Amino acid sequence: MSMRIKLIVLGFLATLAISCGKTEDSGCTPVPVANEKAAMVKFCTDNNINYTEHASGLLYQIMSPGTGAALDANSTVAAIYTGKFLNGVTFEANATPATFGLNQVIEGWRIGIPLINRGGRIRLIIPSALAYSCVGRGSIPPNTPLYFEVTVN
């Protein structure tokens, strides 16, 4: 992997590592998950995603459960992923596996990725409160639900 690509991936992973828990210092109030649910369900319907709803409000579809070891919130994983806004615009795509600790990423990933095993593939539709909340990060505006398709190696 070229140094430029490594720096881009590292920058994105650093952005993922900043959890929504930082909002109390920002002076903003996260949007309730219920306020974004209709848009998330519409995205699923429009994209033929047969989702399951997690108690947190996260919507997900397990494409392949994987046959490898089980994952938990403290696992280190290598993943290929694509991140999109609900309007379909891609904000990040990584065709080369990026390695990171699940305890270092947004809450939506900490909840969703352990739903599969190593070798699995999952679609995650994450309410903003479980992503970058009312703060936003980089090209991701505040109060933005996100879609990820993730394959864990």
Protein backbone atom coordinates (compact mmCIF):
# COMPACT_ATOMS: atom_id res chain seq x y z
CA MET A 1 0.00 0.00 0.00
CA SER A 2 1.42 3.41 -0.91
CA MET A 3 2.24 5.91 1.83
CA ARG A 4 -0.49 8.27 0.57
CA ILE A 5 -3.17 5.57 0.83
CA LYS A 6 -1.91 4.57 4.28
CA LEU A 7 -2.20 8.19 5.43
CA ILE A 8 -5.73 8.49 4.03
CA VAL A 9 -6.81 5.26 5.73
CA LEU A 10 -5.14 6.29 8.99
CA GLY A 11 -6.92 9.66 8.86
CA PHE A 12 -10.28 8.03 8.35
CA LEU A 13 -9.69 5.53 11.14
CA ALA A 14 -8.72 8.39 13.43
CA THR A 15 -12.02 10.03 12.53
CA LEU A 16 -13.89 6.78 13.27
CA ALA A 17 -12.12 6.57 16.61
CA ILE A 18 -13.80 9.73 17.86
CA SER A 19 -17.01 8.44 19.34
CA CYS A 20 -20.31 10.17 19.79
CA GLY A 21 -19.63 10.24 23.52
CA LYS A 22 -17.74 13.50 23.08
CA THR A 23 -20.93 15.56 22.56
CA GLU A 24 -21.22 16.69 26.16
CA ASP A 25 -18.17 18.93 25.61
CA SER A 26 -19.60 20.35 22.39
CA GLY A 27 -22.65 22.06 23.84
CA CYS A 28 -24.97 20.29 21.40
CA THR A 29 -27.73 17.79 21.96
CA PRO A 30 -27.83 14.55 19.93
CA VAL A 31 -30.89 13.93 17.75
CA PRO A 32 -33.08 11.14 19.15
CA VAL A 33 -32.82 7.92 17.14
CA ALA A 34 -36.61 7.94 16.64
CA ASN A 35 -36.32 11.21 14.69
CA GLU A 36 -34.09 9.54 12.06
CA LYS A 37 -35.78 6.16 11.86
CA ALA A 38 -38.10 7.00 8.94
CA ALA A 39 -35.16 8.14 6.78
CA MET A 40 -33.18 5.03 7.73
CA VAL A 41 -36.09 2.70 6.92
CA LYS A 42 -36.65 4.51 3.60
CA PHE A 43 -32.97 4.00 2.73
CA CYS A 44 -33.35 0.30 3.45
CA THR A 45 -36.53 0.03 1.39
CA ASP A 46 -35.04 1.97 -1.53
CA ASN A 47 -31.91 -0.23 -1.50
CA ASN A 48 -33.59 -3.62 -0.94
CA ILE A 49 -32.02 -4.04 2.49
CA ASN A 50 -33.95 -6.55 4.60
CA TYR A 51 -32.92 -5.10 7.93
CA THR A 52 -33.12 -6.17 11.54
CA GLU A 53 -33.43 -3.48 14.20
CA HIS A 54 -31.05 -3.60 17.16
CA ALA A 55 -32.31 -2.31 20.53
CA SER A 56 -29.96 0.69 20.10
CA GLY A 57 -31.80 1.84 16.95
CA LEU A 58 -29.08 0.55 14.63
CA LEU A 59 -30.48 -1.21 11.54
CA TYR A 60 -28.44 -4.03 10.04
CA GLN A 61 -28.45 -6.82 7.51
CA ILE A 62 -26.06 -9.73 7.85
CA MET A 63 -24.99 -10.61 4.31
CA SER A 64 -22.72 -13.42 5.48
CA PRO A 65 -22.27 -14.39 9.13
CA GLY A 66 -18.67 -15.49 8.61
CA THR A 67 -17.11 -18.76 9.68
CA GLY A 68 -14.17 -17.45 11.66
CA ALA A 69 -13.75 -16.50 15.29
CA ALA A 70 -16.45 -14.55 17.10
CA LEU A 71 -15.87 -10.82 17.64
CA ASP A 72 -16.51 -8.63 20.63
CA ALA A 73 -16.14 -4.96 21.51
CA ASN A 74 -12.45 -5.48 22.33
CA SER A 75 -11.52 -7.32 19.11
CA THR A 76 -8.96 -6.02 16.65
CA VAL A 77 -10.22 -6.51 13.10
CA ALA A 78 -9.11 -5.98 9.53
CA ALA A 79 -12.01 -4.75 7.42
CA ILE A 80 -12.87 -3.65 3.93
CA TYR A 81 -15.69 -1.11 4.02
CA THR A 82 -17.66 1.53 2.18
CA GLY A 83 -19.35 4.43 3.96
CA LYS A 84 -22.23 6.37 2.42
CA PHE A 85 -24.68 9.07 3.37
CA LEU A 86 -28.33 8.06 3.08
CA ASN A 87 -28.54 10.02 -0.19
CA GLY A 88 -26.19 7.40 -1.68
CA VAL A 89 -23.08 9.60 -1.83
CA THR A 90 -19.95 7.71 -0.81
CA PHE A 91 -17.79 9.53 1.75
CA GLU A 92 -15.25 6.73 2.20
CA ALA A 93 -14.36 3.48 0.47
CA ASN A 94 -11.53 1.20 1.45
CA ALA A 95 -10.76 -1.76 -0.82
CA THR A 96 -7.65 -2.68 1.19
CA PRO A 97 -8.24 -4.07 4.68
CA ALA A 98 -7.75 -1.51 7.44
CA THR A 99 -6.86 -2.79 10.89
CA PHE A 100 -8.35 -1.23 14.01
CA GLY A 101 -9.65 -2.03 17.46
CA LEU A 102 -13.43 -2.08 17.80
CA ASN A 103 -13.01 -0.22 21.08
CA GLN A 104 -11.64 2.71 19.06
CA VAL A 105 -14.47 3.29 16.59
CA ILE A 106 -17.94 4.79 16.58
CA GLU A 107 -20.62 3.17 18.71
CA GLY A 108 -22.53 1.89 15.66
CA TRP A 109 -19.50 -0.19 14.63
CA ARG A 110 -18.92 -1.39 18.22
CA ILE A 111 -22.51 -2.66 18.25
CA GLY A 112 -22.77 -3.91 14.66
CA ILE A 113 -19.47 -5.58 13.82
CA PRO A 114 -19.68 -8.17 16.65
CA LEU A 115 -22.98 -9.37 15.14
CA ILE A 116 -20.84 -11.28 12.61
CA ASN A 117 -17.76 -13.50 12.86
CA ARG A 118 -14.45 -13.06 11.10
CA GLY A 119 -15.00 -13.56 7.39
CA GLY A 120 -18.50 -12.08 7.65
CA ARG A 121 -20.12 -9.20 5.82
CA ILE A 122 -22.71 -6.79 7.22
CA ARG A 123 -24.65 -3.70 6.23
CA LEU A 124 -25.06 -1.11 8.99
CA ILE A 125 -27.48 1.82 8.91
CA ILE A 126 -26.36 3.90 11.86
CA PRO A 127 -28.35 6.71 13.48
CA SER A 128 -26.29 9.85 14.04
CA ALA A 129 -26.36 9.40 17.83
CA LEU A 130 -24.32 6.19 17.32
CA ALA A 131 -21.99 7.83 14.78
CA TYR A 132 -20.75 11.45 14.95
CA SER A 133 -23.85 12.81 16.66
CA CYS A 134 -24.43 16.56 16.71
CA VAL A 135 -20.71 17.25 16.29
CA GLY A 136 -19.94 15.72 12.89
CA ARG A 137 -16.39 14.96 11.69
CA GLY A 138 -14.54 15.98 8.54
CA SER A 139 -16.88 15.62 5.56
CA ILE A 140 -19.62 14.13 7.77
CA PRO A 141 -22.08 16.85 8.86
CA PRO A 142 -23.63 16.88 12.33
CA ASN A 143 -26.79 14.79 12.86
CA THR A 144 -26.14 12.55 9.86
CA PRO A 145 -27.19 8.90 9.84
CA LEU A 146 -24.67 6.75 7.96
CA TYR A 147 -24.61 3.54 5.93
CA PHE A 148 -21.66 1.16 5.94
CA GLU A 149 -21.05 -2.11 4.19
CA VAL A 150 -18.29 -3.95 6.02
CA THR A 151 -16.43 -7.18 5.36
CA VAL A 152 -14.31 -8.39 8.26
CA ASN A 153 -11.26 -10.48 7.40
